[in-house]
Amino acid sequence: MRSTPVSRAVRGRWLLAVGASLLLGSTGALAEVASPKVSLVPVTVPLGDPSRDYPQFASAMDLASQGYVEKEFFIEGKARRYDTPELNNAILMSSGHPYRTRLLVRHPTSAKKFNGVVIVEWLNVTAGHDLDVLWLTTAEHLMREGYAYVGVSAQQVGLNAPLTGLRAWSPTRYSSLDVTDGGSILDDSLSFDIYSQAVQAVRNAGSSKALGPLKPVTVIAAGASQSQSFLRRYHNSVEPLTEGLIDGYFMYLGIAGTLRTDLKPKIFSLDTETDVLLLGRFPSRQADSDKLRTWEVAGASHVGYTNPSPRAPIMERDQLPVADNSQCTLPALSHVPTAHVARAGVDHLTRWVIKGTPPPTAPRIEIAAVTPTGVTAARDAYGNALGGIRLAEHAVPIATNTGLNAGPGYCFLNGSHVRFSDDVLRDLYWTPGQYVHKVTQVTMNNLKAGYITPADALATVRQAAKREITKRRR
């Protein structure tokens, strides 16, 4: 049979793959991920000091009272540059690229409190600075359960963005950091091996001292939003070359893209209504399997409401810009707390990896229509989406909460919260007690289903009891 012509692009990729196979070995697997040099960066000034000689986005929580400590380390070494073709193993493009970046580490001070699990988050840089999304979402739960946490600055924007990137924000502390090989590689193609080496430093915590006296048993990779997209590429392309380095993946606030399910690690994917309808998660939906579990939270937004905000005091202290959502078309920020589901999800993924117990399945958000212009959710008479995980804030509503909004900037990620009128509330709930009773029923059902933790179930009922629900006219 006559051979099919091979395009120059395909031939070039094939030659790269052959070269990579020679460097990687005949099996196609990396012999070993390099162990970076790890150096503790001391903090000698109080957080918020004008010198800024302290970790950007250091936690504002009282970690010591929880038996935790926060430290910052620099890691450095030489990184490989990868091409990450969709749903295929990574292709090694070059190697030997020097880098230096940071790890932001929070861990129990006592080995007795440590549960053996380290969550390594690919820090999000969408706002032009590092953002530890999963930590902000789950910190109290992680500390209550004894997890260790490591945030990795892997992308060049987090280091080099004007004013807010690490190097500009604090030249005193961060001027030596570089993930671009001196500005020659600006496409973040080094970020994947830098992340691998950060995980290797965690795995080798005994020698690197990154976790103090702790000896990790299980490593969970995590990424949110843009970082989820990078972590998806890492899982699909680099994971096959680093098998055994990462035990599970927590994919949070997803963006379009399919995940491979032929690899060893378990994957837990958690999406909001915004992600499903606007960010491409609906066309990327995959069936649950023995490797992948996906939950979707109805009424929740990509950026959600929290009171008090865990981010606000840090942004103010570090003088980082705060997004203005006052110009959004609808009142911004859904009040459906995706964080409650995320905390349960972390525990489920941990059990799945360690004990082989899969997370429970969950219904998906119901879709009414798919057109060339977008995806539309099925909604009830009040405009709230049907299907999905239905937290009490959504299933026993006092407002229309959606993952949709419009307006300048990032308004489209903020979702919306429009409180019902007093007349509607009177029609729905005879008394405040009736409202609390309904919230309690839904919350206990969600707890039994495994969608929330006991601590968040209790907090939900207590919060409902404090809410002012208009009484019916007599």
Protein backbone atom coordinates (compact mmCIF):
# COMPACT_ATOMS: atom_id res chain seq x y z
CA MET A 1 0.00 0.00 0.00
CA ARG A 2 1.30 3.41 -0.89
CA SER A 3 2.28 5.48 2.14
CA THR A 4 0.36 8.59 3.03
CA PRO A 5 2.34 11.84 2.70
CA VAL A 6 3.40 13.33 6.03
CA SER A 7 3.13 17.08 6.44
CA ARG A 8 6.13 19.09 7.59
CA ALA A 9 4.38 19.89 10.87
CA VAL A 10 3.66 16.23 11.60
CA ARG A 11 7.17 15.21 10.53
CA GLY A 12 8.65 17.88 12.78
CA ARG A 13 6.61 16.66 15.72
CA TRP A 14 7.64 13.08 14.96
CA LEU A 15 11.32 14.05 14.94
CA LEU A 16 10.84 15.83 18.26
CA ALA A 17 9.22 12.71 19.67
CA VAL A 18 12.11 10.55 18.48
CA GLY A 19 14.59 12.92 20.04
CA ALA A 20 12.57 12.91 23.24
CA SER A 21 12.48 9.12 23.30
CA LEU A 22 16.27 9.03 23.14
CA LEU A 23 16.48 11.44 26.04
CA LEU A 24 13.71 9.82 28.03
CA GLY A 25 14.67 6.22 27.44
CA SER A 26 13.14 3.52 25.30
CA THR A 27 10.14 3.10 27.61
CA GLY A 28 9.01 6.69 27.03
CA ALA A 29 8.95 7.35 30.79
CA LEU A 30 11.23 9.81 32.54
CA ALA A 31 13.99 8.10 34.46
CA GLU A 32 13.45 10.53 37.31
CA VAL A 33 12.11 14.00 37.93
CA ALA A 34 14.95 16.24 39.03
CA SER A 35 15.15 17.23 42.68
CA PRO A 36 15.51 21.01 42.93
CA LYS A 37 17.61 22.90 45.42
CA VAL A 38 15.31 24.07 48.23
CA SER A 39 16.12 27.11 50.40
CA LEU A 40 14.12 28.58 53.26
CA VAL A 41 13.50 32.32 52.86
CA PRO A 42 13.25 33.83 56.34
CA VAL A 43 10.64 36.39 57.33
CA THR A 44 12.08 39.02 59.66
CA VAL A 45 9.45 41.74 59.35
CA PRO A 46 5.72 41.70 60.22
CA LEU A 47 3.23 40.98 57.47
CA GLY A 48 2.27 44.25 55.81
CA ASP A 49 5.65 45.87 56.50
CA PRO A 50 6.41 48.62 53.94
CA SER A 51 9.59 46.77 52.92
CA ARG A 52 7.43 43.91 51.64
CA ASP A 53 10.17 41.52 52.70
CA TYR A 54 7.57 38.88 53.50
CA PRO A 55 5.65 36.34 51.39
CA GLN A 56 3.14 37.86 49.01
CA PHE A 57 -0.32 36.50 49.84
CA ALA A 58 0.82 35.08 53.15
CA SER A 59 -2.20 33.80 55.06
CA ALA A 60 -4.13 36.32 57.17
CA MET A 61 -5.37 33.54 59.45
CA ASP A 62 -3.95 32.78 62.89
CA LEU A 63 -2.27 29.55 61.80
CA ALA A 64 -0.42 29.05 65.07
CA SER A 65 -3.69 28.72 66.99
CA GLN A 66 -4.56 25.82 64.67
CA GLY A 67 -1.22 24.13 65.19
CA TYR A 68 0.08 25.19 61.78
CA VAL A 69 3.07 27.11 60.48
CA GLU A 70 3.63 28.99 57.21
CA LYS A 71 7.01 29.14 55.47
CA GLU A 72 8.30 30.28 52.10
CA PHE A 73 10.98 28.45 50.16
CA PHE A 74 12.82 29.15 46.93
CA ILE A 75 13.38 26.17 44.65
CA GLU A 76 15.83 26.22 41.78
CA GLY A 77 17.24 23.89 39.19
CA LYS A 78 17.13 23.22 35.48
CA ALA A 79 13.81 22.53 33.79
CA ARG A 80 12.69 20.68 30.69
CA ARG A 81 10.57 22.43 28.09
CA TYR A 82 7.51 20.48 26.96
CA ASP A 83 5.04 20.58 24.14
CA THR A 84 1.73 19.28 25.49
CA PRO A 85 -0.42 18.04 22.59
CA GLU A 86 -4.08 17.53 23.43
CA LEU A 87 -4.74 14.11 25.01
CA ASN A 88 -1.26 12.86 24.18
CA ASN A 89 1.99 12.37 26.04
CA ALA A 90 4.23 15.40 26.31
CA ILE A 91 7.01 15.93 23.79
CA LEU A 92 10.35 17.05 25.16
CA MET A 93 11.48 20.11 23.23
CA SER A 94 14.65 21.01 25.13
CA SER A 95 16.20 20.77 28.58
CA GLY A 96 18.70 22.44 30.87
CA HIS A 97 16.77 25.70 31.34
CA PRO A 98 17.69 27.35 34.67
CA TYR A 99 14.83 28.56 36.86
CA ARG A 100 14.19 29.84 40.35
CA THR A 101 10.75 30.22 41.91
CA ARG A 102 8.95 29.88 45.22
CA LEU A 103 6.84 27.53 47.30
CA LEU A 104 4.36 28.81 49.88
CA VAL A 105 4.06 26.07 52.50
CA ARG A 106 1.56 25.58 55.34
CA HIS A 107 1.74 22.45 57.45
CA PRO A 108 1.00 21.09 60.92
CA THR A 109 3.76 21.70 63.44
CA SER A 110 3.17 18.24 64.93
CA ALA A 111 3.56 14.96 63.10
CA LYS A 112 0.69 13.61 65.21
CA LYS A 113 -1.72 16.08 63.60
CA PHE A 114 -0.53 15.42 60.03
CA ASN A 115 -2.80 13.07 58.08
CA GLY A 116 -0.06 12.21 55.59
CA VAL A 117 -1.64 14.08 52.66
CA VAL A 118 -0.07 17.09 50.94
CA ILE A 119 -2.12 19.25 48.58
CA VAL A 120 0.11 20.94 45.99
CA GLU A 121 -1.77 23.82 44.36
CA TRP A 122 -0.73 25.35 41.05
CA LEU A 123 -1.20 29.00 42.07
CA ASN A 124 -3.61 30.99 39.91
CA VAL A 125 -2.28 34.12 38.14
CA THR A 126 -5.33 35.41 36.29
CA ALA A 127 -5.34 38.62 38.35
CA GLY A 128 -1.65 39.27 37.66
CA HIS A 129 -0.45 37.88 40.97
CA ASP A 130 -0.40 34.55 42.78
CA LEU A 131 -3.73 33.46 44.23
CA ASP A 132 -4.15 30.35 46.38
CA VAL A 133 -7.76 29.68 45.41
CA LEU A 134 -8.15 26.22 46.93
CA TRP A 135 -6.48 27.25 50.19
CA LEU A 136 -8.79 30.26 50.54
CA THR A 137 -11.73 27.95 49.88
CA THR A 138 -10.82 25.12 52.21
CA ALA A 139 -8.22 26.37 54.74
CA GLU A 140 -10.19 25.82 57.94
CA HIS A 141 -11.18 22.33 56.84
CA LEU A 142 -7.65 21.41 55.75
CA MET A 143 -6.26 22.44 59.12
CA ARG A 144 -9.04 20.70 61.02
CA GLU A 145 -8.28 17.46 59.17
CA GLY A 146 -4.48 17.71 59.27
CA TYR A 147 -3.60 18.25 55.60
CA ALA A 148 -0.36 19.94 54.54
CA TYR A 149 -0.52 22.54 51.77
CA VAL A 150 2.03 23.77 49.22
CA GLY A 151 1.41 26.55 46.69
CA VAL A 152 3.67 26.64 43.61
CA SER A 153 4.50 29.77 41.60
CA ALA A 154 4.92 28.07 38.22
CA GLN A 155 3.90 30.69 35.63
CA GLN A 156 5.74 33.75 34.42
CA VAL A 157 2.82 36.16 34.92
CA GLY A 158 2.87 35.52 38.65
CA LEU A 159 6.51 36.57 38.72
CA ASN A 160 6.69 39.21 35.99
CA ALA A 161 3.37 41.09 35.82
CA PRO A 162 3.92 44.86 36.24
CA LEU A 163 3.30 46.13 39.78
CA THR A 164 1.65 42.96 41.11
CA GLY A 165 3.98 40.17 39.97
CA LEU A 166 6.37 38.94 42.64
CA ARG A 167 9.48 40.62 41.19
CA ALA A 168 7.86 44.06 40.89
CA TRP A 169 5.85 43.75 44.11
CA SER A 170 8.95 43.10 46.23
CA PRO A 171 12.28 43.44 44.40
CA THR A 172 14.01 43.06 47.75
CA ARG A 173 12.63 39.56 48.21
CA TYR A 174 11.90 38.25 44.74
CA SER A 175 14.22 39.91 42.18
CA SER A 176 16.19 36.66 41.69
CA LEU A 177 13.15 34.62 40.64
CA ASP A 178 12.81 33.59 37.00
CA VAL A 179 10.80 30.91 35.17
CA THR A 180 11.61 32.14 31.63
CA ASP A 181 15.31 31.24 31.25
CA GLY A 182 16.29 34.89 31.23
CA GLY A 183 13.28 35.99 29.20
CA SER A 184 13.88 33.57 26.33
CA ILE A 185 10.84 31.34 27.01
CA LEU A 186 7.62 33.24 27.72
CA ASP A 187 4.96 30.63 26.86
CA ASP A 188 5.00 28.82 30.24
CA SER A 189 6.27 25.66 28.57
CA LEU A 190 8.76 25.31 31.46
CA SER A 191 5.97 25.48 34.02
CA PHE A 192 5.10 21.77 33.75
CA ASP A 193 8.55 20.50 34.72
CA ILE A 194 8.89 23.24 37.34
CA TYR A 195 5.66 21.93 38.89
CA SER A 196 6.98 18.35 38.74
CA GLN A 197 10.15 19.41 40.52
CA ALA A 198 8.11 21.24 43.17
CA VAL A 199 6.19 18.01 43.81
CA GLN A 200 9.48 16.13 43.91
CA ALA A 201 10.68 18.54 46.60
CA VAL A 202 7.54 17.70 48.56
CA ARG A 203 8.03 13.97 48.06
CA ASN A 204 11.62 14.36 49.29
CA ALA A 205 10.53 16.51 52.22
CA GLY A 206 12.92 14.73 54.57
CA SER A 207 15.95 16.02 52.68
CA SER A 208 14.50 19.30 51.42
CA LYS A 209 12.98 20.23 54.81
CA ALA A 210 10.03 21.76 52.95
CA LEU A 211 7.60 20.11 55.38
CA GLY A 212 9.70 20.25 58.51
CA PRO A 213 9.48 16.93 60.40
CA LEU A 214 6.58 15.61 58.34
CA LYS A 215 6.83 12.63 56.01
CA PRO A 216 4.24 12.78 53.23
CA VAL A 217 2.49 9.62 52.10
CA THR A 218 0.02 10.97 49.53
CA VAL A 219 0.26 13.94 47.15
CA ILE A 220 -2.82 15.57 45.64
CA ALA A 221 -2.30 18.02 42.75
CA ALA A 222 -4.79 20.89 42.67
CA GLY A 223 -5.61 23.77 40.36
CA ALA A 224 -8.47 26.25 40.04
CA SER A 225 -9.73 28.09 36.95
CA GLN A 226 -6.76 28.99 34.71
CA SER A 227 -4.56 26.78 36.88
CA GLN A 228 -7.05 23.95 36.41
CA SER A 229 -6.52 24.33 32.68
CA PHE A 230 -2.74 24.08 33.07
CA LEU A 231 -3.10 21.15 35.47
CA ARG A 232 -5.37 19.38 32.97
CA ARG A 233 -2.62 19.71 30.37
CA TYR A 234 -0.11 18.48 32.92
CA HIS A 235 -2.25 15.45 33.75
CA ASN A 236 -2.95 14.55 30.14
CA SER A 237 0.61 15.01 28.83
CA VAL A 238 3.21 15.06 31.61
CA GLU A 239 1.63 12.65 34.10
CA PRO A 240 2.40 9.63 31.86
CA LEU A 241 6.10 10.58 32.04
CA THR A 242 6.15 11.04 35.82
CA GLU A 243 3.99 8.12 36.96
CA GLY A 244 3.98 7.72 40.72
CA LEU A 245 4.80 11.34 41.49
CA ILE A 246 1.16 12.41 41.97
CA ASP A 247 -1.57 10.23 43.48
CA GLY A 248 -4.70 12.24 42.63
CA TYR A 249 -5.90 15.41 40.95
CA PHE A 250 -8.39 17.96 42.29
CA MET A 251 -9.70 19.94 39.30
CA TYR A 252 -11.59 23.00 40.57
CA LEU A 253 -13.60 25.61 38.63
CA GLY A 254 -13.05 24.00 35.29
CA ILE A 255 -12.44 25.37 31.83
CA ALA A 256 -13.09 23.55 28.53
CA GLY A 257 -11.05 20.46 27.91
CA THR A 258 -11.23 16.68 28.21
CA LEU A 259 -9.35 14.62 30.77
CA ARG A 260 -7.66 11.32 29.99
CA THR A 261 -9.00 8.39 31.98
CA ASP A 262 -6.42 5.79 30.94
CA LEU A 263 -3.88 6.91 33.55
CA LYS A 264 -3.42 5.70 37.11
CA PRO A 265 -4.31 8.74 39.29
CA LYS A 266 -7.87 9.43 40.38
CA ILE A 267 -9.43 12.76 39.35
CA PHE A 268 -12.10 14.74 41.17
CA SER A 269 -13.60 17.58 39.12
CA LEU A 270 -15.80 20.27 40.69
CA ASP A 271 -17.60 22.85 38.55
CA THR A 272 -20.00 25.72 39.10
CA GLU A 273 -22.92 26.78 36.96
CA THR A 274 -20.68 29.41 35.34
CA ASP A 275 -18.17 26.76 34.30
CA VAL A 276 -20.83 24.53 32.77
CA LEU A 277 -22.67 27.26 30.86
CA LEU A 278 -19.96 29.75 29.94
CA LEU A 279 -16.49 28.24 30.25
CA GLY A 280 -16.88 25.15 28.11
CA ARG A 281 -17.47 22.47 30.69
CA PHE A 282 -20.76 21.34 29.13
CA PRO A 283 -19.24 20.34 25.77
CA SER A 284 -16.35 18.79 27.72
CA ARG A 285 -18.59 16.70 30.00
CA GLN A 286 -17.39 13.16 30.60
CA ALA A 287 -19.10 10.21 32.20
CA ASP A 288 -18.09 9.23 35.71
CA SER A 289 -15.71 6.26 35.79
CA ASP A 290 -13.30 4.38 38.00
CA LYS A 291 -10.81 7.22 37.38
CA LEU A 292 -12.96 10.36 37.15
CA ARG A 293 -15.75 11.82 39.25
CA THR A 294 -17.44 15.13 38.34
CA TRP A 295 -19.73 17.25 40.51
CA GLU A 296 -21.62 20.35 39.35
CA VAL A 297 -23.09 22.87 41.83
CA ALA A 298 -26.34 24.48 40.66
CA GLY A 299 -26.66 28.23 41.18
CA ALA A 300 -22.98 28.67 42.03
CA SER A 301 -20.66 31.12 40.28
CA HIS A 302 -17.02 30.86 39.26
CA VAL A 303 -16.26 33.70 41.69
CA GLY A 304 -18.59 33.44 44.65
CA TYR A 305 -19.68 35.35 47.73
CA THR A 306 -18.12 34.78 51.12
CA ASN A 307 -18.71 36.73 54.30
CA PRO A 308 -16.28 37.57 55.69
CA SER A 309 -14.07 37.44 52.63
CA PRO A 310 -10.83 35.52 53.27
CA ARG A 311 -9.19 37.39 50.41
CA ALA A 312 -10.05 41.00 51.30
CA PRO A 313 -7.69 41.50 54.28
CA ILE A 314 -4.78 40.04 52.29
CA MET A 315 -5.46 42.25 49.27
CA GLU A 316 -5.62 45.31 51.49
CA ARG A 317 -2.48 44.39 53.43
CA ASP A 318 -0.45 43.62 50.30
CA GLN A 319 -1.90 46.60 48.39
CA LEU A 320 -3.09 44.45 45.51
CA PRO A 321 -5.94 45.68 43.27
CA VAL A 322 -9.45 44.53 44.13
CA ALA A 323 -11.83 43.78 41.27
CA ASP A 324 -14.78 46.18 41.06
CA ASN A 325 -18.02 44.28 40.48
CA SER A 326 -20.28 47.24 41.20
CA GLN A 327 -20.72 47.86 37.47
CA CYS A 328 -22.00 44.36 36.71
CA THR A 329 -25.45 44.18 35.12
CA LEU A 330 -26.91 42.20 38.04
CA PRO A 331 -25.97 42.25 41.73
CA ALA A 332 -22.77 40.22 41.63
CA LEU A 333 -21.63 37.03 43.34
CA SER A 334 -23.87 34.03 43.84
CA HIS A 335 -24.42 33.16 47.51
CA VAL A 336 -24.41 29.41 46.84
CA PRO A 337 -21.25 28.27 48.70
CA THR A 338 -19.25 26.04 46.38
CA ALA A 339 -16.62 25.98 49.12
CA HIS A 340 -18.80 23.62 51.17
CA VAL A 341 -18.75 21.09 48.35
CA ALA A 342 -15.04 21.58 47.71
CA ARG A 343 -14.20 20.64 51.30
CA ALA A 344 -16.16 17.42 51.03
CA GLY A 345 -14.56 16.76 47.65
CA VAL A 346 -11.02 16.97 49.02
CA ASP A 347 -11.86 14.30 51.61
CA HIS A 348 -13.56 12.07 49.03
CA LEU A 349 -10.59 12.25 46.67
CA THR A 350 -8.24 11.44 49.54
CA ARG A 351 -10.25 8.36 50.51
CA TRP A 352 -10.48 7.30 46.86
CA VAL A 353 -6.71 7.48 46.45
CA ILE A 354 -5.82 5.85 49.77
CA LYS A 355 -8.63 3.36 50.38
CA GLY A 356 -10.10 2.91 46.91
CA THR A 357 -13.50 4.23 48.03
CA PRO A 358 -14.95 6.27 45.16
CA PRO A 359 -16.83 9.52 45.81
CA PRO A 360 -20.60 9.37 45.44
CA THR A 361 -22.01 10.31 42.07
CA ALA A 362 -24.03 13.50 41.70
CA PRO A 363 -26.65 14.73 39.21
CA ARG A 364 -25.51 17.21 36.56
CA ILE A 365 -27.06 20.61 35.95
CA GLU A 366 -30.02 20.21 33.59
CA ILE A 367 -29.61 21.79 30.15
CA ALA A 368 -32.62 23.24 28.34
CA ALA A 369 -30.98 24.13 25.04
CA VAL A 370 -27.69 24.09 23.17
CA THR A 371 -27.36 26.57 20.32
CA PRO A 372 -24.48 28.03 18.31
CA THR A 373 -24.53 31.01 20.68
CA GLY A 374 -24.39 29.10 23.93
CA VAL A 375 -25.77 26.67 26.49
CA THR A 376 -28.94 27.38 28.48
CA ALA A 377 -29.82 25.77 31.80
CA ALA A 378 -33.30 24.54 32.65
CA ARG A 379 -34.69 26.80 35.38
CA ASP A 380 -37.59 26.93 37.81
CA ALA A 381 -40.18 29.70 38.04
CA TYR A 382 -37.74 31.84 40.07
CA GLY A 383 -34.87 31.54 37.58
CA ASN A 384 -32.81 29.06 39.58
CA ALA A 385 -31.13 26.23 37.67
CA LEU A 386 -32.46 22.68 37.91
CA GLY A 387 -30.36 19.59 38.53
CA GLY A 388 -26.85 19.47 39.91
CA ILE A 389 -25.87 19.41 43.56
CA ARG A 390 -28.50 21.56 45.24
CA LEU A 391 -27.26 23.15 48.43
CA ALA A 392 -29.83 24.59 50.84
CA GLU A 393 -29.06 28.13 49.65
CA HIS A 394 -30.35 26.99 46.25
CA ALA A 395 -32.96 24.34 47.08
CA VAL A 396 -34.61 26.48 49.77
CA PRO A 397 -34.16 29.82 48.04
CA ILE A 398 -34.53 33.36 49.31
CA ALA A 399 -33.01 34.71 46.08
CA THR A 400 -32.27 33.90 42.48
CA ASN A 401 -28.65 32.72 42.43
CA THR A 402 -27.05 32.03 39.06
CA GLY A 403 -23.65 31.58 37.49
CA LEU A 404 -24.46 34.28 34.94
CA ASN A 405 -23.83 38.02 34.76
CA ALA A 406 -22.64 40.65 32.33
CA GLY A 407 -20.74 43.90 32.41
CA PRO A 408 -17.11 45.05 32.29
CA GLY A 409 -14.04 43.09 33.30
CA TYR A 410 -14.64 39.80 35.05
CA CYS A 411 -18.37 40.38 35.67
CA PHE A 412 -19.16 37.32 33.58
CA LEU A 413 -17.39 35.15 36.18
CA ASN A 414 -19.18 36.65 39.18
CA GLY A 415 -22.64 35.17 38.76
CA SER A 416 -25.54 36.96 40.39
CA HIS A 417 -27.66 37.13 43.53
CA VAL A 418 -31.08 38.83 43.36
CA ARG A 419 -33.02 38.57 46.60
CA PHE A 420 -36.72 37.76 46.42
CA SER A 421 -39.25 40.41 47.31
CA ASP A 422 -41.03 40.24 50.65
CA ASP A 423 -44.19 39.10 48.89
CA VAL A 424 -42.42 36.15 47.29
CA LEU A 425 -40.83 35.21 50.61
CA ARG A 426 -44.22 35.30 52.31
CA ASP A 427 -45.59 32.97 49.66
CA LEU A 428 -42.72 30.53 50.12
CA TYR A 429 -42.33 30.43 53.91
CA TRP A 430 -45.12 30.76 56.47
CA THR A 431 -42.70 31.61 59.26
CA PRO A 432 -38.93 31.85 59.76
CA GLY A 433 -39.18 28.52 61.58
CA GLN A 434 -40.63 26.86 58.50
CA TYR A 435 -37.71 28.19 56.45
CA VAL A 436 -35.16 26.83 58.95
CA HIS A 437 -36.94 23.46 58.99
CA LYS A 438 -36.70 23.18 55.19
CA VAL A 439 -33.05 24.24 55.22
CA THR A 440 -32.32 21.60 57.84
CA GLN A 441 -34.01 18.86 55.81
CA VAL A 442 -32.09 19.68 52.62
CA THR A 443 -28.82 20.09 54.49
CA MET A 444 -29.14 16.74 56.24
CA ASN A 445 -29.91 15.08 52.90
CA ASN A 446 -26.79 16.65 51.35
CA LEU A 447 -24.72 15.54 54.33
CA LYS A 448 -26.05 11.98 54.01
CA ALA A 449 -25.27 12.03 50.28
CA GLY A 450 -21.70 13.09 51.05
CA TYR A 451 -21.82 16.44 49.27
CA ILE A 452 -20.93 18.51 52.35
CA THR A 453 -19.05 18.01 55.61
CA PRO A 454 -20.64 17.85 59.09
CA ALA A 455 -19.05 21.19 60.04
CA ASP A 456 -20.55 22.93 57.02
CA ALA A 457 -23.93 21.27 57.57
CA LEU A 458 -24.02 22.71 61.08
CA ALA A 459 -22.89 26.13 59.84
CA THR A 460 -25.63 26.14 57.18
CA VAL A 461 -28.41 25.47 59.69
CA ARG A 462 -27.06 28.04 62.13
CA GLN A 463 -26.82 30.65 59.39
CA ALA A 464 -30.39 29.95 58.32
CA ALA A 465 -31.58 30.53 61.89
CA LYS A 466 -29.94 33.96 61.85
CA ARG A 467 -31.45 35.08 58.56
CA GLU A 468 -34.30 37.53 58.58
CA ILE A 469 -37.16 35.96 56.65
CA THR A 470 -40.27 38.10 56.30
CA LYS A 471 -43.26 36.75 58.20
CA ARG A 472 -46.56 36.15 56.43
CA ARG A 473 -49.16 38.92 56.80
CA ARG A 474 -51.91 38.05 59.26
